[in-house]
Amino acid sequence: MIKRPIKTKDWERFLKAHKCKYKRTKASHAHYQCPGCFRPVTYRPAYKEVPVIHLQTNLKTMGLTFEYLYNWLEKN
């Protein structure tokens, strides 16, 4: 599977669909708290796309995989 960045708006839809709640913005980073996550999911909403390295870190925090994310994006 080729890992690729995704649009920021798609990432936000993904977080909201997984019941993640917006907590705050600190500097240029938005922080969401997801159910069962031990730390917040963080990304930069000013960017057009969320880089692969940020997706990798946040998916690991959420206990999910790239395969799950890309399948979810195709279906939604």
N, C-alpha and C. Protein backbone atom coordinates (compact mmCIF):
# COMPACT_ATOMS: atom_id res chain seq x y z
N MET A 1 0.84 -1.18 0.00
CA MET A 1 0.00 0.00 0.00
C MET A 1 0.89 1.24 0.00
N ILE A 2 0.55 2.16 -0.89
CA ILE A 2 1.28 3.43 -0.95
C ILE A 2 0.64 4.40 0.04
N LYS A 3 1.46 4.90 0.94
CA LYS A 3 0.97 5.87 1.92
C LYS A 3 1.05 7.25 1.30
N ARG A 4 -0.05 8.00 1.42
CA ARG A 4 -0.11 9.32 0.82
C ARG A 4 -0.78 10.29 1.78
N PRO A 5 -0.46 11.58 1.66
CA PRO A 5 -1.14 12.56 2.51
C PRO A 5 -2.62 12.65 2.13
N ILE A 6 -3.43 13.17 3.04
CA ILE A 6 -4.85 13.35 2.74
C ILE A 6 -5.22 14.82 2.99
N LYS A 7 -6.32 15.25 2.40
CA LYS A 7 -6.78 16.62 2.58
C LYS A 7 -7.14 16.85 4.05
N THR A 8 -6.84 18.04 4.52
CA THR A 8 -7.12 18.39 5.90
C THR A 8 -8.61 18.27 6.21
N LYS A 9 -9.46 18.68 5.29
CA LYS A 9 -10.91 18.59 5.52
C LYS A 9 -11.35 17.13 5.67
N ASP A 10 -10.73 16.23 4.91
CA ASP A 10 -11.05 14.80 5.04
C ASP A 10 -10.60 14.26 6.40
N TRP A 11 -9.43 14.72 6.86
CA TRP A 11 -8.93 14.30 8.17
C TRP A 11 -9.87 14.76 9.29
N GLU A 12 -10.35 15.99 9.18
CA GLU A 12 -11.28 16.52 10.18
C GLU A 12 -12.59 15.72 10.18
N ARG A 13 -13.09 15.37 9.00
CA ARG A 13 -14.30 14.54 8.91
C ARG A 13 -14.07 13.18 9.57
N PHE A 14 -12.88 12.60 9.32
CA PHE A 14 -12.52 11.31 9.90
C PHE A 14 -12.51 11.38 11.43
N LEU A 15 -11.90 12.43 11.98
CA LEU A 15 -11.85 12.59 13.44
C LEU A 15 -13.25 12.73 14.03
N LYS A 16 -14.07 13.57 13.42
CA LYS A 16 -15.43 13.78 13.94
C LYS A 16 -16.27 12.51 13.84
N ALA A 17 -16.09 11.74 12.78
CA ALA A 17 -16.83 10.48 12.61
C ALA A 17 -16.42 9.45 13.66
N HIS A 18 -15.21 9.59 14.20
CA HIS A 18 -14.72 8.67 15.23
C HIS A 18 -14.87 9.25 16.63
N LYS A 19 -15.78 10.22 16.76
CA LYS A 19 -16.17 10.82 18.04
C LYS A 19 -15.02 11.53 18.76
N CYS A 20 -14.08 12.05 17.98
CA CYS A 20 -13.00 12.85 18.55
C CYS A 20 -13.51 14.27 18.75
N LYS A 21 -13.20 14.85 19.88
CA LYS A 21 -13.69 16.18 20.25
C LYS A 21 -12.57 17.21 20.16
N TYR A 22 -12.89 18.34 19.54
CA TYR A 22 -11.94 19.45 19.48
C TYR A 22 -11.69 19.96 20.90
N LYS A 23 -10.42 20.13 21.25
CA LYS A 23 -10.06 20.62 22.59
C LYS A 23 -9.51 22.03 22.56
N ARG A 24 -8.53 22.27 21.69
CA ARG A 24 -7.90 23.59 21.67
C ARG A 24 -7.02 23.74 20.43
N THR A 25 -6.59 24.99 20.23
CA THR A 25 -5.56 25.28 19.24
C THR A 25 -4.42 25.94 19.99
N LYS A 26 -3.25 25.39 19.83
CA LYS A 26 -2.07 25.95 20.49
C LYS A 26 -1.05 26.23 19.39
N ALA A 27 -0.64 27.49 19.28
CA ALA A 27 0.19 27.96 18.17
C ALA A 27 -0.59 27.67 16.89
N SER A 28 -0.07 26.86 16.00
CA SER A 28 -0.79 26.58 14.76
C SER A 28 -1.32 25.15 14.72
N HIS A 29 -1.34 24.46 15.85
CA HIS A 29 -1.77 23.07 15.91
C HIS A 29 -3.14 22.93 16.56
N ALA A 30 -4.02 22.18 15.91
CA ALA A 30 -5.32 21.85 16.50
C ALA A 30 -5.17 20.54 17.25
N HIS A 31 -5.80 20.45 18.41
CA HIS A 31 -5.73 19.26 19.25
C HIS A 31 -7.13 18.68 19.44
N TYR A 32 -7.27 17.40 19.16
CA TYR A 32 -8.52 16.68 19.36
C TYR A 32 -8.27 15.57 20.37
N GLN A 33 -9.26 15.29 21.21
CA GLN A 33 -9.17 14.16 22.13
C GLN A 33 -10.13 13.08 21.62
N CYS A 34 -9.58 11.91 21.40
CA CYS A 34 -10.38 10.80 20.88
C CYS A 34 -10.64 9.80 21.99
N PRO A 35 -11.80 9.12 21.94
CA PRO A 35 -12.11 8.12 22.97
C PRO A 35 -11.03 7.03 23.03
N GLY A 36 -10.55 6.76 24.21
CA GLY A 36 -9.57 5.69 24.40
C GLY A 36 -8.14 6.08 24.06
N CYS A 37 -7.90 7.31 23.65
CA CYS A 37 -6.54 7.75 23.30
C CYS A 37 -5.84 8.29 24.54
N PHE A 38 -4.57 7.96 24.69
CA PHE A 38 -3.81 8.39 25.86
C PHE A 38 -3.22 9.78 25.69
N ARG A 39 -3.25 10.32 24.47
CA ARG A 39 -2.77 11.69 24.23
C ARG A 39 -3.59 12.31 23.11
N PRO A 40 -3.56 13.62 22.96
CA PRO A 40 -4.37 14.25 21.91
C PRO A 40 -3.84 13.97 20.51
N VAL A 41 -4.74 14.01 19.55
CA VAL A 41 -4.39 13.92 18.13
C VAL A 41 -4.14 15.35 17.67
N THR A 42 -3.00 15.58 17.04
CA THR A 42 -2.56 16.93 16.69
C THR A 42 -2.26 17.03 15.20
N TYR A 43 -2.66 18.14 14.61
CA TYR A 43 -2.33 18.42 13.21
C TYR A 43 -2.40 19.92 12.99
N ARG A 44 -1.96 20.37 11.82
CA ARG A 44 -1.98 21.80 11.48
C ARG A 44 -3.11 22.07 10.49
N PRO A 45 -4.18 22.70 10.92
CA PRO A 45 -5.31 22.95 10.03
C PRO A 45 -5.02 23.95 8.91
N ALA A 46 -3.95 24.73 9.02
CA ALA A 46 -3.62 25.70 7.98
C ALA A 46 -3.07 25.03 6.72
N TYR A 47 -2.56 23.81 6.85
CA TYR A 47 -2.03 23.08 5.69
C TYR A 47 -3.18 22.53 4.86
N LYS A 48 -2.98 22.43 3.55
CA LYS A 48 -3.99 21.85 2.67
C LYS A 48 -4.11 20.34 2.88
N GLU A 49 -2.97 19.72 3.20
CA GLU A 49 -2.94 18.27 3.41
C GLU A 49 -2.22 17.95 4.72
N VAL A 50 -2.61 16.81 5.29
CA VAL A 50 -1.94 16.31 6.49
C VAL A 50 -0.82 15.38 6.01
N PRO A 51 0.44 15.67 6.34
CA PRO A 51 1.56 14.84 5.88
C PRO A 51 1.48 13.41 6.42
N VAL A 52 2.08 12.50 5.69
CA VAL A 52 2.05 11.08 6.04
C VAL A 52 2.61 10.83 7.44
N ILE A 53 3.69 11.50 7.80
CA ILE A 53 4.30 11.28 9.12
C ILE A 53 3.34 11.67 10.24
N HIS A 54 2.55 12.73 10.05
CA HIS A 54 1.56 13.12 11.06
C HIS A 54 0.41 12.14 11.10
N LEU A 55 0.00 11.64 9.94
CA LEU A 55 -1.05 10.62 9.91
C LEU A 55 -0.59 9.37 10.66
N GLN A 56 0.65 8.98 10.41
CA GLN A 56 1.19 7.77 11.04
C GLN A 56 1.17 7.89 12.56
N THR A 57 1.64 9.00 13.07
CA THR A 57 1.68 9.22 14.52
C THR A 57 0.28 9.25 15.11
N ASN A 58 -0.64 9.98 14.46
CA ASN A 58 -1.99 10.10 14.99
C ASN A 58 -2.77 8.80 14.88
N LEU A 59 -2.60 8.06 13.80
CA LEU A 59 -3.28 6.77 13.68
C LEU A 59 -2.78 5.79 14.75
N LYS A 60 -1.48 5.84 15.02
CA LYS A 60 -0.93 4.98 16.08
C LYS A 60 -1.55 5.33 17.43
N THR A 61 -1.69 6.63 17.70
CA THR A 61 -2.33 7.09 18.93
C THR A 61 -3.76 6.56 19.02
N MET A 62 -4.47 6.55 17.88
CA MET A 62 -5.86 6.11 17.84
C MET A 62 -6.00 4.59 17.79
N GLY A 63 -4.90 3.89 17.56
CA GLY A 63 -4.95 2.44 17.45
C GLY A 63 -5.51 1.97 16.11
N LEU A 64 -5.31 2.77 15.05
CA LEU A 64 -5.83 2.44 13.72
C LEU A 64 -4.68 2.34 12.72
N THR A 65 -5.01 1.89 11.50
CA THR A 65 -4.00 1.70 10.46
C THR A 65 -4.28 2.58 9.25
N PHE A 66 -3.27 2.71 8.40
CA PHE A 66 -3.45 3.44 7.14
C PHE A 66 -4.52 2.76 6.29
N GLU A 67 -4.49 1.44 6.26
CA GLU A 67 -5.48 0.69 5.48
C GLU A 67 -6.90 1.05 5.91
N TYR A 68 -7.13 1.10 7.21
CA TYR A 68 -8.44 1.47 7.73
C TYR A 68 -8.80 2.89 7.30
N LEU A 69 -7.87 3.83 7.43
CA LEU A 69 -8.12 5.22 7.06
C LEU A 69 -8.48 5.33 5.58
N TYR A 70 -7.70 4.75 4.70
CA TYR A 70 -7.96 4.87 3.27
C TYR A 70 -9.26 4.18 2.87
N ASN A 71 -9.57 3.05 3.49
CA ASN A 71 -10.86 2.38 3.23
C ASN A 71 -12.00 3.25 3.69
N TRP A 72 -11.87 3.88 4.84
CA TRP A 72 -12.93 4.75 5.36
C TRP A 72 -13.14 5.93 4.42
N LEU A 73 -12.06 6.51 3.92
CA LEU A 73 -12.16 7.65 3.01
C LEU A 73 -12.86 7.27 1.70
N GLU A 74 -12.59 6.09 1.20
CA GLU A 74 -13.24 5.63 -0.03
C GLU A 74 -14.74 5.47 0.15
N LYS A 75 -15.14 4.98 1.32
CA LYS A 75 -16.55 4.70 1.57
C LYS A 75 -17.34 5.94 1.98
N ASN A 76 -16.68 6.95 2.50
CA ASN A 76 -17.37 8.14 3.02
C ASN A 76 -17.05 9.32 2.19
